[in-house]
PDB file of N, CA and C in Angstrom:
ATOM      1  N   GLN A   1     103.520  67.619 -82.389  1.00  0.00           N
ATOM      2  CA  GLN A   1     104.960  67.484 -82.574  1.00  0.00           C
ATOM      3  C   GLN A   1     105.676  68.436 -81.629  1.00  0.00           C
ATOM      4  N   VAL A   2     106.718  67.944 -80.987  1.00  0.00           N
ATOM      5  CA  VAL A   2     107.462  68.741 -80.019  1.00  0.00           C
ATOM      6  C   VAL A   2     108.599  69.478 -80.723  1.00  0.00           C
ATOM      7  N   GLN A   3     108.745  70.740 -80.395  1.00  0.00           N
ATOM      8  CA  GLN A   3     109.852  71.545 -80.923  1.00  0.00           C
ATOM      9  C   GLN A   3     110.592  72.219 -79.781  1.00  0.00           C
ATOM     10  N   LEU A   4     111.912  72.253 -79.901  1.00  0.00           N
ATOM     11  CA  LEU A   4     112.748  72.995 -78.971  1.00  0.00           C
ATOM     12  C   LEU A   4     113.430  74.103 -79.767  1.00  0.00           C
ATOM     13  N   VAL A   5     113.299  75.323 -79.294  1.00  0.00           N
ATOM     14  CA  VAL A   5     113.870  76.464 -80.004  1.00  0.00           C
ATOM     15  C   VAL A   5     114.815  77.201 -79.069  1.00  0.00           C
ATOM     16  N   GLU A   6     116.105  77.215 -79.467  1.00  0.00           N
ATOM     17  CA  GLU A   6     117.113  77.915 -78.680  1.00  0.00           C
ATOM     18  C   GLU A   6     117.246  79.359 -79.155  1.00  0.00           C
ATOM     19  N   SER A   7     117.667  80.219 -78.248  1.00  0.00           N
ATOM     20  CA  SER A   7     117.961  81.609 -78.593  1.00  0.00           C
ATOM     21  C   SER A   7     119.007  82.141 -77.625  1.00  0.00           C
ATOM     22  N   GLY A   8     119.631  83.259 -78.015  1.00  0.00           N
ATOM     23  CA  GLY A   8     120.571  83.923 -77.128  1.00  0.00           C
ATOM     24  C   GLY A   8     122.026  83.775 -77.502  1.00  0.00           C
ATOM     25  N   GLY A   9     122.317  82.974 -78.522  1.00  0.00           N
ATOM     26  CA  GLY A   9     123.700  82.834 -78.933  1.00  0.00           C
ATOM     27  C   GLY A   9     124.206  84.087 -79.611  1.00  0.00           C
ATOM     28  N   GLY A  10     125.518  84.117 -79.866  1.00  0.00           N
ATOM     29  CA  GLY A  10     126.093  85.269 -80.534  1.00  0.00           C
ATOM     30  C   GLY A  10     127.577  85.354 -80.319  1.00  0.00           C
ATOM     31  N   LEU A  11     128.114  86.521 -80.621  1.00  0.00           N
ATOM     32  CA  LEU A  11     129.548  86.783 -80.501  1.00  0.00           C
ATOM     33  C   LEU A  11     129.793  87.612 -79.250  1.00  0.00           C
ATOM     34  N   VAL A  12     130.768  87.187 -78.459  1.00  0.00           N
ATOM     35  CA  VAL A  12     131.093  87.909 -77.230  1.00  0.00           C
ATOM     36  C   VAL A  12     132.594  87.839 -77.014  1.00  0.00           C
ATOM     37  N   GLN A  13     133.140  88.843 -76.363  1.00  0.00           N
ATOM     38  CA  GLN A  13     134.561  88.828 -76.044  1.00  0.00           C
ATOM     39  C   GLN A  13     134.823  87.948 -74.824  1.00  0.00           C
ATOM     40  N   ALA A  14     136.030  87.436 -74.755  1.00  0.00           N
ATOM     41  CA  ALA A  14     136.434  86.644 -73.598  1.00  0.00           C
ATOM     42  C   ALA A  14     136.201  87.444 -72.316  1.00  0.00           C
ATOM     43  N   GLY A  15     135.658  86.757 -71.312  1.00  0.00           N
ATOM     44  CA  GLY A  15     135.320  87.408 -70.066  1.00  0.00           C
ATOM     45  C   GLY A  15     133.890  87.898 -70.002  1.00  0.00           C
ATOM     46  N   GLY A  16     133.215  87.903 -71.140  1.00  0.00           N
ATOM     47  CA  GLY A  16     131.844  88.383 -71.200  1.00  0.00           C
ATOM     48  C   GLY A  16     130.830  87.321 -70.808  1.00  0.00           C
ATOM     49  N   SER A  17     129.567  87.685 -70.964  1.00  0.00           N
ATOM     50  CA  SER A  17     128.463  86.807 -70.567  1.00  0.00           C
ATOM     51  C   SER A  17     127.422  86.708 -71.672  1.00  0.00           C
ATOM     52  N   LEU A  18     126.738  85.584 -71.675  1.00  0.00           N
ATOM     53  CA  LEU A  18     125.581  85.366 -72.540  1.00  0.00           C
ATOM     54  C   LEU A  18     124.568  84.533 -71.776  1.00  0.00           C
ATOM     55  N   ARG A  19     123.307  84.678 -72.151  1.00  0.00           N
ATOM     56  CA  ARG A  19     122.250  83.852 -71.568  1.00  0.00           C
ATOM     57  C   ARG A  19     121.496  83.164 -72.690  1.00  0.00           C
ATOM     58  N   LEU A  20     121.510  81.845 -72.675  1.00  0.00           N
ATOM     59  CA  LEU A  20     120.782  81.055 -73.656  1.00  0.00           C
ATOM     60  C   LEU A  20     119.424  80.664 -73.090  1.00  0.00           C
ATOM     61  N   SER A  21     118.458  80.596 -73.979  1.00  0.00           N
ATOM     62  CA  SER A  21     117.121  80.136 -73.608  1.00  0.00           C
ATOM     63  C   SER A  21     116.697  79.042 -74.567  1.00  0.00           C
ATOM     64  N   CYS A  22     115.875  78.137 -74.069  1.00  0.00           N
ATOM     65  CA  CYS A  22     115.328  77.071 -74.906  1.00  0.00           C
ATOM     66  C   CYS A  22     113.888  76.838 -74.477  1.00  0.00           C
ATOM     67  N   ALA A  23     112.978  77.072 -75.406  1.00  0.00           N
ATOM     68  CA  ALA A  23     111.561  76.900 -75.117  1.00  0.00           C
ATOM     69  C   ALA A  23     111.026  75.697 -75.878  1.00  0.00           C
ATOM     70  N   ALA A  24     110.335  74.838 -75.157  1.00  0.00           N
ATOM     71  CA  ALA A  24     109.716  73.657 -75.761  1.00  0.00           C
ATOM     72  C   ALA A  24     108.251  73.938 -76.025  1.00  0.00           C
ATOM     73  N   SER A  25     107.787  73.499 -77.184  1.00  0.00           N
ATOM     74  CA  SER A  25     106.374  73.675 -77.524  1.00  0.00           C
ATOM     75  C   SER A  25     105.839  72.393 -78.137  1.00  0.00           C
ATOM     76  N   GLY A  26     104.505  72.296 -78.162  1.00  0.00           N
ATOM     77  CA  GLY A  26     103.882  71.113 -78.723  1.00  0.00           C
ATOM     78  C   GLY A  26     103.219  70.272 -77.644  1.00  0.00           C
ATOM     79  N   ARG A  27     102.930  69.021 -77.989  1.00  0.00           N
ATOM     80  CA  ARG A  27     102.267  68.104 -77.051  1.00  0.00           C
ATOM     81  C   ARG A  27     103.339  67.493 -76.143  1.00  0.00           C
ATOM     82  N   ILE A  28     103.499  68.132 -74.987  1.00  0.00           N
ATOM     83  CA  ILE A  28     104.556  67.751 -74.057  1.00  0.00           C
ATOM     84  C   ILE A  28     103.943  67.186 -72.790  1.00  0.00           C
ATOM     85  N   PHE A  29     104.398  65.983 -72.414  1.00  0.00           N
ATOM     86  CA  PHE A  29     103.892  65.350 -71.204  1.00  0.00           C
ATOM     87  C   PHE A  29     105.053  64.784 -70.407  1.00  0.00           C
ATOM     88  N   GLY A  30     105.051  65.024 -69.135  1.00  0.00           N
ATOM     89  CA  GLY A  30     106.010  64.385 -68.253  1.00  0.00           C
ATOM     90  C   GLY A  30     107.452  64.737 -68.525  1.00  0.00           C
ATOM     91  N   VAL A  31     107.760  66.039 -68.581  1.00  0.00           N
ATOM     92  CA  VAL A  31     109.151  66.450 -68.823  1.00  0.00           C
ATOM     93  C   VAL A  31     110.012  66.096 -67.623  1.00  0.00           C
ATOM     94  N   ASN A  32     111.109  65.426 -67.861  1.00  0.00           N
ATOM     95  CA  ASN A  32     112.030  65.037 -66.802  1.00  0.00           C
ATOM     96  C   ASN A  32     113.227  65.981 -66.815  1.00  0.00           C
ATOM     97  N   THR A  33     114.260  65.621 -67.515  1.00  0.00           N
ATOM     98  CA  THR A  33     115.492  66.409 -67.520  1.00  0.00           C
ATOM     99  C   THR A  33     115.548  67.325 -68.730  1.00  0.00           C
ATOM    100  N   MET A  34     116.011  68.534 -68.502  1.00  0.00           N
ATOM    101  CA  MET A  34     116.321  69.472 -69.589  1.00  0.00           C
ATOM    102  C   MET A  34     117.786  69.879 -69.435  1.00  0.00           C
ATOM    103  N   GLY A  35     118.394  70.229 -70.535  1.00  0.00           N
ATOM    104  CA  GLY A  35     119.800  70.581 -70.406  1.00  0.00           C
ATOM    105  C   GLY A  35     120.413  71.106 -71.671  1.00  0.00           C
ATOM    106  N   TRP A  36     121.715  71.355 -71.551  1.00  0.00           N
ATOM    107  CA  TRP A  36     122.477  71.936 -72.643  1.00  0.00           C
ATOM    108  C   TRP A  36     123.695  71.061 -72.964  1.00  0.00           C
ATOM    109  N   TYR A  37     123.940  70.915 -74.243  1.00  0.00           N
ATOM    110  CA  TYR A  37     125.102  70.208 -74.749  1.00  0.00           C
ATOM    111  C   TYR A  37     125.777  71.138 -75.750  1.00  0.00           C
ATOM    112  N   ARG A  38     127.024  70.849 -76.058  1.00  0.00           N
ATOM    113  CA  ARG A  38     127.695  71.677 -77.058  1.00  0.00           C
ATOM    114  C   ARG A  38     128.632  70.837 -77.907  1.00  0.00           C
ATOM    115  N   ARG A  39     128.833  71.316 -79.139  1.00  0.00           N
ATOM    116  CA  ARG A  39     129.782  70.688 -80.047  1.00  0.00           C
ATOM    117  C   ARG A  39     130.734  71.754 -80.543  1.00  0.00           C
ATOM    118  N   SER A  40     131.992  71.617 -80.143  1.00  0.00           N
ATOM    119  CA  SER A  40     133.036  72.521 -80.628  1.00  0.00           C
ATOM    120  C   SER A  40     133.552  72.001 -81.961  1.00  0.00           C
ATOM    121  N   PRO A  41     134.162  72.862 -82.766  1.00  0.00           N
ATOM    122  CA  PRO A  41     134.673  72.429 -84.076  1.00  0.00           C
ATOM    123  C   PRO A  41     135.599  71.231 -83.942  1.00  0.00           C
ATOM    124  N   GLY A  42     135.302  70.184 -84.693  1.00  0.00           N
ATOM    125  CA  GLY A  42     136.145  69.000 -84.708  1.00  0.00           C
ATOM    126  C   GLY A  42     135.988  68.078 -83.520  1.00  0.00           C
ATOM    127  N   LYS A  43     135.000  68.342 -82.670  1.00  0.00           N
ATOM    128  CA  LYS A  43     134.817  67.519 -81.476  1.00  0.00           C
ATOM    129  C   LYS A  43     133.411  66.933 -81.437  1.00  0.00           C
ATOM    130  N   GLN A  44     133.206  65.992 -80.535  1.00  0.00           N
ATOM    131  CA  GLN A  44     131.889  65.399 -80.379  1.00  0.00           C
ATOM    132  C   GLN A  44     131.026  66.308 -79.502  1.00  0.00           C
ATOM    133  N   ARG A  45     129.732  66.024 -79.501  1.00  0.00           N
ATOM    134  CA  ARG A  45     128.814  66.794 -78.669  1.00  0.00           C
ATOM    135  C   ARG A  45     128.921  66.323 -77.222  1.00  0.00           C
ATOM    136  N   ASP A  46     129.141  67.259 -76.322  1.00  0.00           N
ATOM    137  CA  ASP A  46     129.338  66.937 -74.910  1.00  0.00           C
ATOM    138  C   ASP A  46     128.299  67.635 -74.036  1.00  0.00           C
ATOM    139  N   MET A  47     128.030  67.030 -72.899  1.00  0.00           N
ATOM    140  CA  MET A  47     127.123  67.632 -71.931  1.00  0.00           C
ATOM    141  C   MET A  47     127.753  68.869 -71.320  1.00  0.00           C
ATOM    142  N   VAL A  48     126.969  69.928 -71.190  1.00  0.00           N
ATOM    143  CA  VAL A  48     127.411  71.146 -70.512  1.00  0.00           C
ATOM    144  C   VAL A  48     126.758  71.244 -69.138  1.00  0.00           C
ATOM    145  N   ALA A  49     125.425  71.168 -69.118  1.00  0.00           N
ATOM    146  CA  ALA A  49     124.699  71.280 -67.862  1.00  0.00           C
ATOM    147  C   ALA A  49     123.307  70.696 -68.033  1.00  0.00           C
ATOM    148  N   THR A  50     122.821  70.027 -66.995  1.00  0.00           N
ATOM    149  CA  THR A  50     121.469  69.493 -67.012  1.00  0.00           C
ATOM    150  C   THR A  50     120.761  69.828 -65.705  1.00  0.00           C
ATOM    151  N   ILE A  51     119.433  69.800 -65.774  1.00  0.00           N
ATOM    152  CA  ILE A  51     118.622  70.075 -64.591  1.00  0.00           C
ATOM    153  C   ILE A  51     117.376  69.205 -64.646  1.00  0.00           C
ATOM    154  N   THR A  52     117.076  68.541 -63.533  1.00  0.00           N
ATOM    155  CA  THR A  52     115.904  67.684 -63.473  1.00  0.00           C
ATOM    156  C   THR A  52     114.658  68.507 -63.137  1.00  0.00           C
ATOM    157  N   SER A  53     113.518  67.865 -63.223  1.00  0.00           N
ATOM    158  CA  SER A  53     112.273  68.553 -62.894  1.00  0.00           C
ATOM    159  C   SER A  53     112.248  68.992 -61.433  1.00  0.00           C
ATOM    160  N   GLY A  54     113.004  68.303 -60.599  1.00  0.00           N
ATOM    161  CA  GLY A  54     113.084  68.669 -59.189  1.00  0.00           C
ATOM    162  C   GLY A  54     114.137  69.704 -58.869  1.00  0.00           C
ATOM    163  N   GLY A  55     114.903  70.097 -59.874  1.00  0.00           N
ATOM    164  CA  GLY A  55     115.899  71.150 -59.681  1.00  0.00           C
ATOM    165  C   GLY A  55     117.322  70.676 -59.437  1.00  0.00           C
ATOM    166  N   SER A  56     117.567  69.383 -59.485  1.00  0.00           N
ATOM    167  CA  SER A  56     118.938  68.888 -59.327  1.00  0.00           C
ATOM    168  C   SER A  56     119.736  69.193 -60.580  1.00  0.00           C
ATOM    169  N   THR A  57     120.948  69.702 -60.373  1.00  0.00           N
ATOM    170  CA  THR A  57     121.770  70.118 -61.506  1.00  0.00           C
ATOM    171  C   THR A  57     123.044  69.295 -61.605  1.00  0.00           C
ATOM    172  N   ASN A  58     123.583  69.276 -62.827  1.00  0.00           N
ATOM    173  CA  ASN A  58     124.836  68.596 -63.094  1.00  0.00           C
ATOM    174  C   ASN A  58     125.590  69.422 -64.123  1.00  0.00           C
ATOM    175  N   TYR A  59     126.897  69.617 -63.891  1.00  0.00           N
ATOM    176  CA  TYR A  59     127.700  70.449 -64.781  1.00  0.00           C
ATOM    177  C   TYR A  59     128.949  69.715 -65.234  1.00  0.00           C
ATOM    178  N   ALA A  60     129.377  70.032 -66.442  1.00  0.00           N
ATOM    179  CA  ALA A  60     130.691  69.595 -66.880  1.00  0.00           C
ATOM    180  C   ALA A  60     131.738  70.323 -66.047  1.00  0.00           C
ATOM    181  N   ASP A  61     132.839  69.644 -65.764  1.00  0.00           N
ATOM    182  CA  ASP A  61     133.884  70.255 -64.941  1.00  0.00           C
ATOM    183  C   ASP A  61     134.382  71.571 -65.529  1.00  0.00           C
ATOM    184  N   SER A  62     134.420  71.649 -66.835  1.00  0.00           N
ATOM    185  CA  SER A  62     134.984  72.823 -67.508  1.00  0.00           C
ATOM    186  C   SER A  62     134.144  74.084 -67.331  1.00  0.00           C
ATOM    187  N   VAL A  63     132.888  73.940 -66.904  1.00  0.00           N
ATOM    188  CA  VAL A  63     132.024  75.125 -66.785  1.00  0.00           C
ATOM    189  C   VAL A  63     131.577  75.397 -65.347  1.00  0.00           C
ATOM    190  N   LYS A  64     131.951  74.513 -64.436  1.00  0.00           N
ATOM    191  CA  LYS A  64     131.537  74.699 -63.044  1.00  0.00           C
ATOM    192  C   LYS A  64     132.038  76.035 -62.501  1.00  0.00           C
ATOM    193  N   GLY A  65     131.147  76.750 -61.828  1.00  0.00           N
ATOM    194  CA  GLY A  65     131.493  78.047 -61.274  1.00  0.00           C
ATOM    195  C   GLY A  65     131.332  79.196 -62.249  1.00  0.00           C
ATOM    196  N   ARG A  66     131.118  78.889 -63.530  1.00  0.00           N
ATOM    197  CA  ARG A  66     130.954  79.948 -64.540  1.00  0.00           C
ATOM    198  C   ARG A  66     129.562  79.920 -65.170  1.00  0.00           C
ATOM    199  N   PHE A  67     129.003  78.734 -65.340  1.00  0.00           N
ATOM    200  CA  PHE A  67     127.700  78.577 -65.985  1.00  0.00           C
ATOM    201  C   PHE A  67     126.663  78.177 -64.938  1.00  0.00           C
ATOM    202  N   THR A  68     125.427  78.624 -65.159  1.00  0.00           N
ATOM    203  CA  THR A  68     124.316  78.249 -64.287  1.00  0.00           C
ATOM    204  C   THR A  68     123.112  77.860 -65.137  1.00  0.00           C
ATOM    205  N   VAL A  69     122.600  76.664 -64.888  1.00  0.00           N
ATOM    206  CA  VAL A  69     121.412  76.191 -65.603  1.00  0.00           C
ATOM    207  C   VAL A  69     120.198  76.369 -64.702  1.00  0.00           C
ATOM    208  N   SER A  70     119.092  76.770 -65.299  1.00  0.00           N
ATOM    209  CA  SER A  70     117.843  76.932 -64.552  1.00  0.00           C
ATOM    210  C   SER A  70     116.684  76.606 -65.487  1.00  0.00           C
ATOM    211  N   ARG A  71     115.499  76.465 -64.919  1.00  0.00           N
ATOM    212  CA  ARG A  71     114.344  76.137 -65.764  1.00  0.00           C
ATOM    213  C   ARG A  71     113.074  76.697 -65.161  1.00  0.00           C
ATOM    214  N   ASP A  72     112.109  76.891 -66.043  1.00  0.00           N
ATOM    215  CA  ASP A  72     110.761  77.288 -65.656  1.00  0.00           C
ATOM    216  C   ASP A  72     109.857  76.146 -66.076  1.00  0.00           C
ATOM    217  N   ASN A  73     109.447  75.324 -65.130  1.00  0.00           N
ATOM    218  CA  ASN A  73     108.656  74.136 -65.455  1.00  0.00           C
ATOM    219  C   ASN A  73     107.311  74.500 -66.080  1.00  0.00           C
ATOM    220  N   ALA A  74     106.726  75.601 -65.635  1.00  0.00           N
ATOM    221  CA  ALA A  74     105.426  75.996 -66.164  1.00  0.00           C
ATOM    222  C   ALA A  74     105.510  76.358 -67.647  1.00  0.00           C
ATOM    223  N   LYS A  75     106.661  76.841 -68.066  1.00  0.00           N
ATOM    224  CA  LYS A  75     106.845  77.262 -69.465  1.00  0.00           C
ATOM    225  C   LYS A  75     107.643  76.246 -70.274  1.00  0.00           C
ATOM    226  N   ASN A  76     108.056  75.146 -69.638  1.00  0.00           N
ATOM    227  CA  ASN A  76     108.907  74.161 -70.324  1.00  0.00           C
ATOM    228  C   ASN A  76     110.092  74.847 -70.998  1.00  0.00           C
ATOM    229  N   THR A  77     110.728  75.703 -70.238  1.00  0.00           N
ATOM    230  CA  THR A  77     111.854  76.481 -70.743  1.00  0.00           C
ATOM    231  C   THR A  77     113.070  76.262 -69.850  1.00  0.00           C
ATOM    232  N   VAL A  78     114.227  76.139 -70.481  1.00  0.00           N
ATOM    233  CA  VAL A  78     115.477  75.979 -69.753  1.00  0.00           C
ATOM    234  C   VAL A  78     116.427  77.093 -70.183  1.00  0.00           C
ATOM    235  N   TYR A  79     117.230  77.550 -69.232  1.00  0.00           N
ATOM    236  CA  TYR A  79     118.150  78.653 -69.471  1.00  0.00           C
ATOM    237  C   TYR A  79     119.578  78.221 -69.139  1.00  0.00           C
ATOM    238  N   LEU A  80     120.519  78.914 -69.743  1.00  0.00           N
ATOM    239  CA  LEU A  80     121.920  78.713 -69.406  1.00  0.00           C
ATOM    240  C   LEU A  80     122.574  80.084 -69.314  1.00  0.00           C
ATOM    241  N   GLN A  81     122.910  80.494 -68.103  1.00  0.00           N
ATOM    242  CA  GLN A  81     123.634  81.726 -67.895  1.00  0.00           C
ATOM    243  C   GLN A  81     125.119  81.421 -67.954  1.00  0.00           C
ATOM    244  N   MET A  82     125.816  82.051 -68.887  1.00  0.00           N
ATOM    245  CA  MET A  82     127.232  81.776 -69.095  1.00  0.00           C
ATOM    246  C   MET A  82     128.035  83.036 -68.779  1.00  0.00           C
ATOM    247  N   ASN A  83     128.861  82.945 -67.771  1.00  0.00           N
ATOM    248  CA  ASN A  83     129.706  84.063 -67.353  1.00  0.00           C
ATOM    249  C   ASN A  83     131.180  83.701 -67.553  1.00  0.00           C
ATOM    250  N   SER A  84     132.017  84.713 -67.527  1.00  0.00           N
ATOM    251  CA  SER A  84     133.465  84.507 -67.670  1.00  0.00           C
ATOM    252  C   SER A  84     133.788  83.607 -68.852  1.00  0.00           C
ATOM    253  N   LEU A  85     133.182  83.910 -69.966  1.00  0.00           N
ATOM    254  CA  LEU A  85     133.344  83.062 -71.147  1.00  0.00           C
ATOM    255  C   LEU A  85     134.785  83.059 -71.647  1.00  0.00           C
ATOM    256  N   LYS A  86     135.184  81.901 -72.167  1.00  0.00           N
ATOM    257  CA  LYS A  86     136.531  81.694 -72.687  1.00  0.00           C
ATOM    258  C   LYS A  86     136.445  81.315 -74.154  1.00  0.00           C
ATOM    259  N   PRO A  87     137.516  81.545 -74.913  1.00  0.00           N
ATOM    260  CA  PRO A  87     137.485  81.137 -76.328  1.00  0.00           C
ATOM    261  C   PRO A  87     137.162  79.651 -76.506  1.00  0.00           C
ATOM    262  N   GLU A  88     137.576  78.821 -75.562  1.00  0.00           N
ATOM    263  CA  GLU A  88     137.287  77.385 -75.687  1.00  0.00           C
ATOM    264  C   GLU A  88     135.814  77.043 -75.437  1.00  0.00           C
ATOM    265  N   ASP A  89     135.023  78.012 -75.044  1.00  0.00           N
ATOM    266  CA  ASP A  89     133.577  77.806 -74.934  1.00  0.00           C
ATOM    267  C   ASP A  89     132.879  77.967 -76.284  1.00  0.00           C
ATOM    268  N   THR A  90     133.624  78.391 -77.298  1.00  0.00           N
ATOM    269  CA  THR A  90     133.052  78.531 -78.630  1.00  0.00           C
ATOM    270  C   THR A  90     132.524  77.195 -79.127  1.00  0.00           C
ATOM    271  N   ALA A  91     131.247  77.167 -79.498  1.00  0.00           N
ATOM    272  CA  ALA A  91     130.605  75.917 -79.912  1.00  0.00           C
ATOM    273  C   ALA A  91     129.184  76.211 -80.362  1.00  0.00           C
ATOM    274  N   VAL A  92     128.580  75.194 -80.949  1.00  0.00           N
ATOM    275  CA  VAL A  92     127.134  75.217 -81.152  1.00  0.00           C
ATOM    276  C   VAL A  92     126.515  74.576 -79.913  1.00  0.00           C
ATOM    277  N   TYR A  93     125.606  75.295 -79.290  1.00  0.00           N
ATOM    278  CA  TYR A  93     124.957  74.828 -78.067  1.00  0.00           C
ATOM    279  C   TYR A  93     123.566  74.291 -78.401  1.00  0.00           C
ATOM    280  N   TYR A  94     123.305  73.083 -77.923  1.00  0.00           N
ATOM    281  CA  TYR A  94     122.052  72.393 -78.193  1.00  0.00           C
ATOM    282  C   TYR A  94     121.268  72.191 -76.902  1.00  0.00           C
ATOM    283  N   CYS A  95     119.981  72.378 -77.014  1.00  0.00           N
ATOM    284  CA  CYS A  95     119.062  72.113 -75.910  1.00  0.00           C
ATOM    285  C   CYS A  95     118.538  70.685 -76.053  1.00  0.00           C
ATOM    286  N   ARG A  96     118.368  70.016 -74.923  1.00  0.00           N
ATOM    287  CA  ARG A  96     117.839  68.658 -74.934  1.00  0.00           C
ATOM    288  C   ARG A  96     116.771  68.527 -73.864  1.00  0.00           C
ATOM    289  N   MET A  97     115.741  67.770 -74.187  1.00  0.00           N
ATOM    290  CA  MET A  97     114.669  67.509 -73.235  1.00  0.00           C
ATOM    291  C   MET A  97     114.335  66.028 -73.256  1.00  0.00           C
ATOM    292  N   THR A  98     114.234  65.425 -72.077  1.00  0.00           N
ATOM    293  CA  THR A  98     113.826  64.027 -71.983  1.00  0.00           C
ATOM    294  C   THR A  98     112.573  63.941 -71.118  1.00  0.00           C
ATOM    295  N   THR A  99     111.748  62.950 -71.426  1.00  0.00           N
ATOM    296  CA  THR A  99     110.515  62.760 -70.665  1.00  0.00           C
ATOM    297  C   THR A  99     110.606  61.494 -69.819  1.00  0.00           C
ATOM    298  N   TYR A 100     109.696  61.389 -68.871  1.00  0.00           N
ATOM    299  CA  TYR A 100     109.638  60.194 -68.036  1.00  0.00           C
ATOM    300  C   TYR A 100     109.275  58.962 -68.865  1.00  0.00           C
ATOM    301  N   GLY A 101     108.653  59.193 -69.992  1.00  0.00           N
ATOM    302  CA  GLY A 101     108.301  58.088 -70.878  1.00  0.00           C
ATOM    303  C   GLY A 101     109.429  57.632 -71.779  1.00  0.00           C
ATOM    304  N   GLY A 102     110.596  58.298 -71.647  1.00  0.00           N
ATOM    305  CA  GLY A 102     111.751  57.879 -72.428  1.00  0.00           C
ATOM    306  C   GLY A 102     111.918  58.602 -73.752  1.00  0.00           C
ATOM    307  N   MET A 103     111.086  59.617 -74.007  1.00  0.00           N
ATOM    308  CA  MET A 103     111.244  60.379 -75.246  1.00  0.00           C
ATOM    309  C   MET A 103     112.409  61.355 -75.097  1.00  0.00           C
ATOM    310  N   ASN A 104     113.052  61.652 -76.207  1.00  0.00           N
ATOM    311  CA  ASN A 104     114.268  62.463 -76.226  1.00  0.00           C
ATOM    312  C   ASN A 104     114.161  63.457 -77.372  1.00  0.00           C
ATOM    313  N   PHE A 105     114.295  64.740 -77.055  1.00  0.00           N
ATOM    314  CA  PHE A 105     114.154  65.784 -78.073  1.00  0.00           C
ATOM    315  C   PHE A 105     115.355  66.718 -78.040  1.00  0.00           C
ATOM    316  N   TRP A 106     115.729  67.192 -79.229  1.00  0.00           N
ATOM    317  CA  TRP A 106     116.855  68.118 -79.371  1.00  0.00           C
ATOM    318  C   TRP A 106     116.427  69.363 -80.130  1.00  0.00           C
ATOM    319  N   GLY A 107     117.030  70.500 -79.778  1.00  0.00           N
ATOM    320  CA  GLY A 107     116.886  71.689 -80.584  1.00  0.00           C
ATOM    321  C   GLY A 107     117.882  71.674 -81.721  1.00  0.00           C
ATOM    322  N   GLU A 108     117.802  72.685 -82.572  1.00  0.00           N
ATOM    323  CA  GLU A 108     118.678  72.735 -83.737  1.00  0.00           C
ATOM    324  C   GLU A 108     120.010  73.411 -83.444  1.00  0.00           C
ATOM    325  N   GLY A 109     120.124  74.040 -82.289  1.00  0.00           N
ATOM    326  CA  GLY A 109     121.395  74.606 -81.877  1.00  0.00           C
ATOM    327  C   GLY A 109     121.496  76.101 -82.099  1.00  0.00           C
ATOM    328  N   THR A 110     122.322  76.719 -81.270  1.00  0.00           N
ATOM    329  CA  THR A 110     122.617  78.137 -81.411  1.00  0.00           C
ATOM    330  C   THR A 110     124.117  78.329 -81.236  1.00  0.00           C
ATOM    331  N   LEU A 111     124.699  79.147 -82.090  1.00  0.00           N
ATOM    332  CA  LEU A 111     126.155  79.306 -82.113  1.00  0.00           C
ATOM    333  C   LEU A 111     126.600  80.345 -81.099  1.00  0.00           C
ATOM    334  N   VAL A 112     127.587  79.969 -80.303  1.00  0.00           N
ATOM    335  CA  VAL A 112     128.243  80.888 -79.378  1.00  0.00           C
ATOM    336  C   VAL A 112     129.703  80.997 -79.806  1.00  0.00           C
ATOM    337  N   THR A 113     130.134  82.223 -80.053  1.00  0.00           N
ATOM    338  CA  THR A 113     131.515  82.468 -80.444  1.00  0.00           C
ATOM    339  C   THR A 113     132.141  83.424 -79.444  1.00  0.00           C
ATOM    340  N   VAL A 114     133.251  82.993 -78.854  1.00  0.00           N
ATOM    341  CA  VAL A 114     133.957  83.811 -77.873  1.00  0.00           C
ATOM    342  C   VAL A 114     135.300  84.212 -78.466  1.00  0.00           C
ATOM    343  N   SER A 115     135.481  85.494 -78.640  1.00  0.00           N
ATOM    344  CA  SER A 115     136.724  85.997 -79.225  1.00  0.00           C
ATOM    345  C   SER A 115     137.735  86.317 -78.126  1.00  0.00           C
ATOM    346  N   SER A 116     139.004  86.143 -78.474  1.00  0.00           N
ATOM    347  CA  SER A 116     140.073  86.394 -77.487  1.00  0.00           C
ATOM    348  C   SER A 116     140.549  87.833 -77.537  1.00  0.00           C
TER     349      SER A 116
END
């Protein structure tokens, strides 16, 4: 069984930084894209940043220039470095992993709270 475990969330003041990590464990084959999504209070879950196995990245417009996604393929781990955080970045952040075989896995989420 595949598990994704996020860590690194917490409370930070506006302008601060946090680094999220997500480690995948279990019987994992053919990992394609890994990434981060978030759900703010009262809103749907939206894509924040994704990265393919080849290193191609994609970012939501709202985080471009502030967030950086990276991954360690050997460890099946994805990271999200978040700088210049804003109160509107407050959300539960979810890790997602997709495989070449079409499997889709989600973590349980980690809360990021940015105070003004």
